[in-house]
């Protein structure tokens, strides 16, 4: 396959001194270079890339797609590679075993993450990968355990995200029992599950298993954390970076607004106990 024509991206932003704010390529454009240009124009410090597949653009197993992604990393830091196609496949079987097709996808994505120099491989657990029974949770733990076993000698972390509450999330992580595994806090998904993001941050953070990269987005019936709530969440979670993850394909102007919201929250001088 012929590599796509390249277009120069704007100059990369310098590394932030404090909280980094990342943009989600899959919520901007399936064209990874176009998403990078939009992220830079909106003021993002980083870009999280998607592995691709299904309606998410060409998978990075395609050599031309991987070259295009590699070019993006030269213009904008890419700390995370997400494997959202897992939500279409299903990570586990009800009988408590990992789905071989999902495991194969994860291993391909792992190779790409290492090639791109990403620090985190993001594994979602929604729709067909939703761990909503004991059997599916056992199979999910098996899949994550097998993936983590492939990380020996690498710098990568595996970040797992699901709508499970803190108790069930920690139980799953303990079943995996690997030092490379971290749990993701996503404000919108927790709100949709009837959970409090701040409680999740406190309980999971106390164990050292919380990824210090929060996902901030609206829930189905709520907006992203308000300017009053977000400073406390950032401090309690000890976040080093934030991914703004609303859908910017139809409302591109909101990307800049969400990035600005997170920057203001990070600069809020209040102590977390003083925040509402």
Protein backbone atom coordinates (compact mmCIF):
# COMPACT_ATOMS: atom_id res chain seq x y z
CA UNK A 1 0.00 0.00 0.00
CA UNK A 2 1.25 3.47 -0.87
CA UNK A 3 1.89 5.70 2.12
CA UNK A 4 -0.49 8.68 2.33
CA UNK A 5 0.80 12.10 1.39
CA UNK A 6 2.16 13.95 4.37
CA UNK A 7 1.20 17.43 5.44
CA UNK A 8 3.35 19.41 7.81
CA UNK A 9 1.88 19.78 11.28
CA UNK A 10 2.16 22.99 13.31
CA UNK A 11 5.15 23.18 15.66
CA UNK A 12 4.81 20.98 18.72
CA UNK A 13 3.90 22.62 22.01
CA UNK A 14 6.61 22.55 24.67
CA UNK A 15 6.22 20.00 27.45
CA UNK A 16 3.95 21.38 30.19
CA UNK A 17 5.47 22.25 33.56
CA UNK A 18 2.53 20.87 35.55
CA UNK A 19 -0.67 19.15 34.42
CA UNK A 20 -0.65 17.93 30.81
CA UNK A 21 -3.94 17.99 28.90
CA UNK A 22 -4.40 15.39 26.16
CA UNK A 23 -6.87 15.14 23.28
CA UNK A 24 -8.43 11.85 22.04
CA UNK A 25 -7.71 11.19 18.36
CA UNK A 26 -10.72 8.85 18.04
CA UNK A 27 -13.07 11.63 19.19
CA UNK A 28 -11.66 14.11 16.65
CA UNK A 29 -10.91 12.35 13.36
CA UNK A 30 -10.07 8.85 12.10
CA UNK A 31 -7.26 10.56 10.16
CA UNK A 32 -4.54 10.59 12.81
CA UNK A 33 -2.58 13.47 11.30
CA UNK A 34 -5.72 15.60 10.96
CA UNK A 35 -6.54 14.85 14.60
CA UNK A 36 -3.04 15.91 15.62
CA UNK A 37 -3.40 19.22 13.78
CA UNK A 38 -6.75 19.87 15.48
CA UNK A 39 -5.33 18.96 18.90
CA UNK A 40 -2.38 21.30 18.48
CA UNK A 41 -4.62 24.12 17.27
CA UNK A 42 -6.84 23.69 20.35
CA UNK A 43 -3.85 23.88 22.68
CA UNK A 44 -3.48 20.23 23.69
CA UNK A 45 -0.16 19.08 25.15
CA UNK A 46 -0.56 15.45 24.07
CA UNK A 47 -2.57 13.19 21.79
CA UNK A 48 -3.89 9.75 22.68
CA UNK A 49 -3.99 7.55 19.58
CA UNK A 50 -6.42 4.75 18.79
CA UNK A 51 -5.24 1.43 17.37
CA UNK A 52 -8.07 1.55 14.82
CA UNK A 53 -10.28 -1.07 13.28
CA UNK A 54 -13.99 -1.23 12.47
CA UNK A 55 -15.32 2.35 12.05
CA UNK A 56 -12.26 3.85 13.78
CA UNK A 57 -9.97 4.07 10.78
CA UNK A 58 -7.27 1.70 9.50
CA UNK A 59 -5.65 -0.45 12.20
CA UNK A 60 -2.03 0.22 13.03
CA UNK A 61 -1.18 -3.28 11.84
CA UNK A 62 -1.41 -1.63 8.40
CA UNK A 63 2.12 -0.44 7.60
CA UNK A 64 1.00 2.86 6.05
CA UNK A 65 -1.19 3.64 9.06
CA UNK A 66 1.70 2.88 11.41
CA UNK A 67 4.02 5.18 9.46
CA UNK A 68 1.45 7.97 9.65
CA UNK A 69 1.11 7.44 13.41
CA UNK A 70 4.87 7.47 13.80
CA UNK A 71 4.99 10.82 12.01
CA UNK A 72 2.45 12.20 14.48
CA UNK A 73 4.66 11.23 17.43
CA UNK A 74 7.38 13.48 16.02
CA UNK A 75 5.08 16.51 16.27
CA UNK A 76 3.02 15.88 19.40
CA UNK A 77 3.71 13.56 22.38
CA UNK A 78 1.69 10.33 22.22
CA UNK A 79 1.83 8.72 25.67
CA UNK A 80 -1.15 6.38 25.20
CA UNK A 81 -2.35 3.90 22.60
CA UNK A 82 -5.99 2.90 23.11
CA UNK A 83 -7.51 -0.34 21.80
CA UNK A 84 -11.15 0.72 21.55
CA UNK A 85 -11.92 -1.97 18.95
CA UNK A 86 -12.05 -4.39 21.90
CA UNK A 87 -15.50 -3.01 22.67
CA UNK A 88 -16.69 -4.50 19.35
CA UNK A 89 -15.07 -7.90 19.94
CA UNK A 90 -15.50 -8.82 23.59
CA UNK A 91 -12.53 -9.34 25.88
CA UNK A 92 -13.85 -12.48 27.60
CA UNK A 93 -16.26 -15.40 27.43
CA UNK A 94 -18.97 -16.02 30.00
CA UNK A 95 -17.33 -19.28 31.07
CA UNK A 96 -14.46 -17.28 32.53
CA UNK A 97 -11.84 -17.40 29.78
CA UNK A 98 -10.24 -14.74 27.60
CA UNK A 99 -11.48 -14.35 24.03
CA UNK A 100 -8.64 -15.47 21.71
CA UNK A 101 -9.52 -12.83 19.08
CA UNK A 102 -9.29 -10.09 21.70
CA UNK A 103 -5.99 -11.42 23.00
CA UNK A 104 -4.57 -11.46 19.47
CA UNK A 105 -5.69 -7.86 18.96
CA UNK A 106 -4.07 -6.82 22.24
CA UNK A 107 -0.76 -8.39 21.29
CA UNK A 108 -0.75 -6.60 17.92
CA UNK A 109 -1.53 -3.35 19.70
CA UNK A 110 1.23 -4.01 22.20
CA UNK A 111 3.77 -4.30 19.38
CA UNK A 112 2.52 -1.00 17.92
CA UNK A 113 2.66 0.76 21.30
CA UNK A 114 6.27 -0.30 21.73
CA UNK A 115 7.08 0.80 18.18
CA UNK A 116 5.56 4.24 18.79
CA UNK A 117 7.22 4.68 22.17
CA UNK A 118 3.93 4.97 24.08
CA UNK A 119 4.03 4.61 27.85
CA UNK A 120 0.51 3.20 28.31
CA UNK A 121 -1.65 0.65 26.48
CA UNK A 122 -5.26 1.51 27.24
CA UNK A 123 -7.69 -1.43 27.46
CA UNK A 124 -11.42 -0.54 27.66
CA UNK A 125 -14.18 -2.73 29.08
CA UNK A 126 -17.46 -1.55 27.55
CA UNK A 127 -20.25 -2.88 25.33
CA UNK A 128 -19.15 -6.41 24.29
CA UNK A 129 -16.23 -6.22 26.73
CA UNK A 130 -18.39 -5.10 29.66
CA UNK A 131 -17.40 -7.21 32.71
CA UNK A 132 -20.89 -7.41 34.22
CA UNK A 133 -20.86 -11.05 35.43
CA UNK A 134 -18.48 -13.13 37.52
CA UNK A 135 -17.53 -15.20 34.48
CA UNK A 136 -16.75 -12.18 32.32
CA UNK A 137 -14.71 -10.63 35.10
CA UNK A 138 -12.69 -13.83 35.45
CA UNK A 139 -12.11 -13.94 31.70
CA UNK A 140 -11.15 -10.26 31.67
CA UNK A 141 -8.62 -10.88 34.44
CA UNK A 142 -7.18 -13.78 32.43
CA UNK A 143 -6.81 -11.60 29.32
CA UNK A 144 -5.15 -8.79 31.27
CA UNK A 145 -2.88 -11.21 33.10
CA UNK A 146 -1.70 -12.70 29.82
CA UNK A 147 -1.10 -9.26 28.33
CA UNK A 148 0.86 -8.06 31.36
CA UNK A 149 3.00 -11.19 31.22
CA UNK A 150 4.26 -9.98 27.82
CA UNK A 151 5.59 -6.73 29.30
CA UNK A 152 8.79 -8.09 30.83
CA UNK A 153 11.69 -5.88 29.84
CA UNK A 154 9.44 -3.03 28.65
CA UNK A 155 8.43 0.29 30.17
CA UNK A 156 4.74 -0.07 29.33
CA UNK A 157 1.81 0.11 31.72
CA UNK A 158 -1.58 -1.45 30.97
CA UNK A 159 -4.47 0.86 31.88
CA UNK A 160 -7.85 -0.83 32.29
CA UNK A 161 -11.09 1.15 32.20
CA UNK A 162 -14.62 -0.05 32.93
CA UNK A 163 -17.79 1.19 34.64
CA UNK A 164 -17.08 -1.01 37.68
CA UNK A 165 -17.04 0.70 41.06
CA UNK A 166 -13.91 0.91 43.20
CA UNK A 167 -14.51 -2.35 45.09
CA UNK A 168 -15.07 -4.48 41.97
CA UNK A 169 -12.32 -2.68 40.04
CA UNK A 170 -9.81 -3.42 42.79
CA UNK A 171 -10.95 -7.04 43.01
CA UNK A 172 -10.33 -7.46 39.29
CA UNK A 173 -6.91 -5.80 39.53
CA UNK A 174 -5.94 -8.08 42.41
CA UNK A 175 -7.00 -11.09 40.35
CA UNK A 176 -4.61 -9.93 37.61
CA UNK A 177 -1.89 -9.35 40.23
CA UNK A 178 0.71 -7.63 38.06
CA UNK A 179 2.67 -4.45 38.85
CA UNK A 180 2.15 -3.05 35.34
CA UNK A 181 -1.64 -2.82 35.69
CA UNK A 182 -3.40 0.44 36.55
CA UNK A 183 -7.07 1.43 36.76
CA UNK A 184 -8.55 4.41 34.90
CA UNK A 185 -10.91 7.00 36.35
CA UNK A 186 -13.39 8.31 33.76
CA UNK A 187 -15.81 10.91 35.10
CA UNK A 188 -18.59 10.33 32.56
CA UNK A 189 -18.59 6.55 32.75
CA UNK A 190 -18.59 6.57 36.55
CA UNK A 191 -21.45 9.09 36.62
CA UNK A 192 -23.46 6.92 34.23
CA UNK A 193 -22.91 3.95 36.56
CA UNK A 194 -24.21 5.97 39.50
CA UNK A 195 -20.75 6.29 41.08
CA UNK A 196 -18.86 9.27 42.51
CA UNK A 197 -15.55 10.01 40.76
CA UNK A 198 -14.09 11.51 43.93
CA UNK A 199 -14.84 8.34 45.93
CA UNK A 200 -13.26 6.25 43.15
CA UNK A 201 -10.16 8.45 43.24
CA UNK A 202 -9.84 8.14 47.00
CA UNK A 203 -10.39 4.38 47.26
CA UNK A 204 -8.40 3.27 44.23
CA UNK A 205 -5.74 5.93 44.73
CA UNK A 206 -5.08 4.68 48.27
CA UNK A 207 -3.90 1.35 46.83
CA UNK A 208 -1.47 2.87 44.33
CA UNK A 209 -3.39 1.33 41.42
CA UNK A 210 -4.96 4.51 40.02
CA UNK A 211 -3.49 5.70 36.73
CA UNK A 212 -2.52 9.37 37.27
CA UNK A 213 -4.17 10.24 33.95
CA UNK A 214 -7.85 11.10 34.41
CA UNK A 215 -10.49 10.98 31.68
CA UNK A 216 -12.87 13.94 31.83
CA UNK A 217 -16.10 13.89 29.84
CA UNK A 218 -19.86 14.26 30.07
CA UNK A 219 -22.07 11.45 31.23
CA UNK A 220 -25.25 10.62 29.36
CA UNK A 221 -27.23 12.83 31.75
CA UNK A 222 -24.50 15.02 33.19
CA UNK A 223 -21.84 17.41 31.99
CA UNK A 224 -18.15 17.02 32.74
CA UNK A 225 -17.09 17.94 36.30
CA UNK A 226 -17.79 21.57 36.97
CA UNK A 227 -15.18 24.20 37.62
CA UNK A 228 -15.99 23.73 41.32
CA UNK A 229 -15.65 19.92 41.36
CA UNK A 230 -12.67 19.33 39.10
CA UNK A 231 -9.91 20.93 41.23
CA UNK A 232 -10.66 18.59 44.13
CA UNK A 233 -10.72 15.58 41.82
CA UNK A 234 -7.37 16.48 40.29
CA UNK A 235 -5.76 16.89 43.68
CA UNK A 236 -7.25 13.83 45.37
CA UNK A 237 -6.23 11.66 42.42
CA UNK A 238 -2.76 13.25 42.19
CA UNK A 239 -3.29 13.51 38.45
CA UNK A 240 -0.32 14.30 36.27
CA UNK A 241 -2.39 14.50 33.09
CA UNK A 242 -5.99 14.66 31.90
CA UNK A 243 -7.64 13.34 28.75
CA UNK A 244 -10.64 15.42 27.66
CA UNK A 245 -12.88 12.88 25.97
CA UNK A 246 -16.08 14.44 24.75
CA UNK A 247 -17.05 13.93 21.11
CA UNK A 248 -15.44 16.75 19.12
CA UNK A 249 -16.31 15.52 15.64
CA UNK A 250 -19.47 17.64 15.43
CA UNK A 251 -18.49 20.29 17.99
CA UNK A 252 -14.78 20.92 17.33
CA UNK A 253 -14.84 24.22 19.20
CA UNK A 254 -15.56 22.45 22.46
CA UNK A 255 -12.11 20.84 22.46
CA UNK A 256 -10.46 24.16 23.25
CA UNK A 257 -13.11 24.87 25.91
CA UNK A 258 -12.57 21.52 27.65
CA UNK A 259 -8.79 21.97 27.60
CA UNK A 260 -9.19 25.44 29.13
CA UNK A 261 -11.51 24.03 31.84
CA UNK A 262 -8.85 21.53 32.89
CA UNK A 263 -6.09 24.13 32.90
CA UNK A 264 -8.14 26.44 35.13
CA UNK A 265 -8.91 23.57 37.49
CA UNK A 266 -5.23 22.64 37.73
CA UNK A 267 -4.36 26.22 38.64
CA UNK A 268 -7.07 26.51 41.31
CA UNK A 269 -5.25 27.35 44.58
CA UNK A 270 -7.76 25.74 46.92
CA UNK A 271 -6.76 22.77 49.04
CA UNK A 272 -8.86 19.70 48.12
CA UNK A 273 -10.59 19.69 51.51
CA UNK A 274 -11.74 23.25 50.83
CA UNK A 275 -13.30 22.38 47.49
CA UNK A 276 -17.07 21.66 47.34
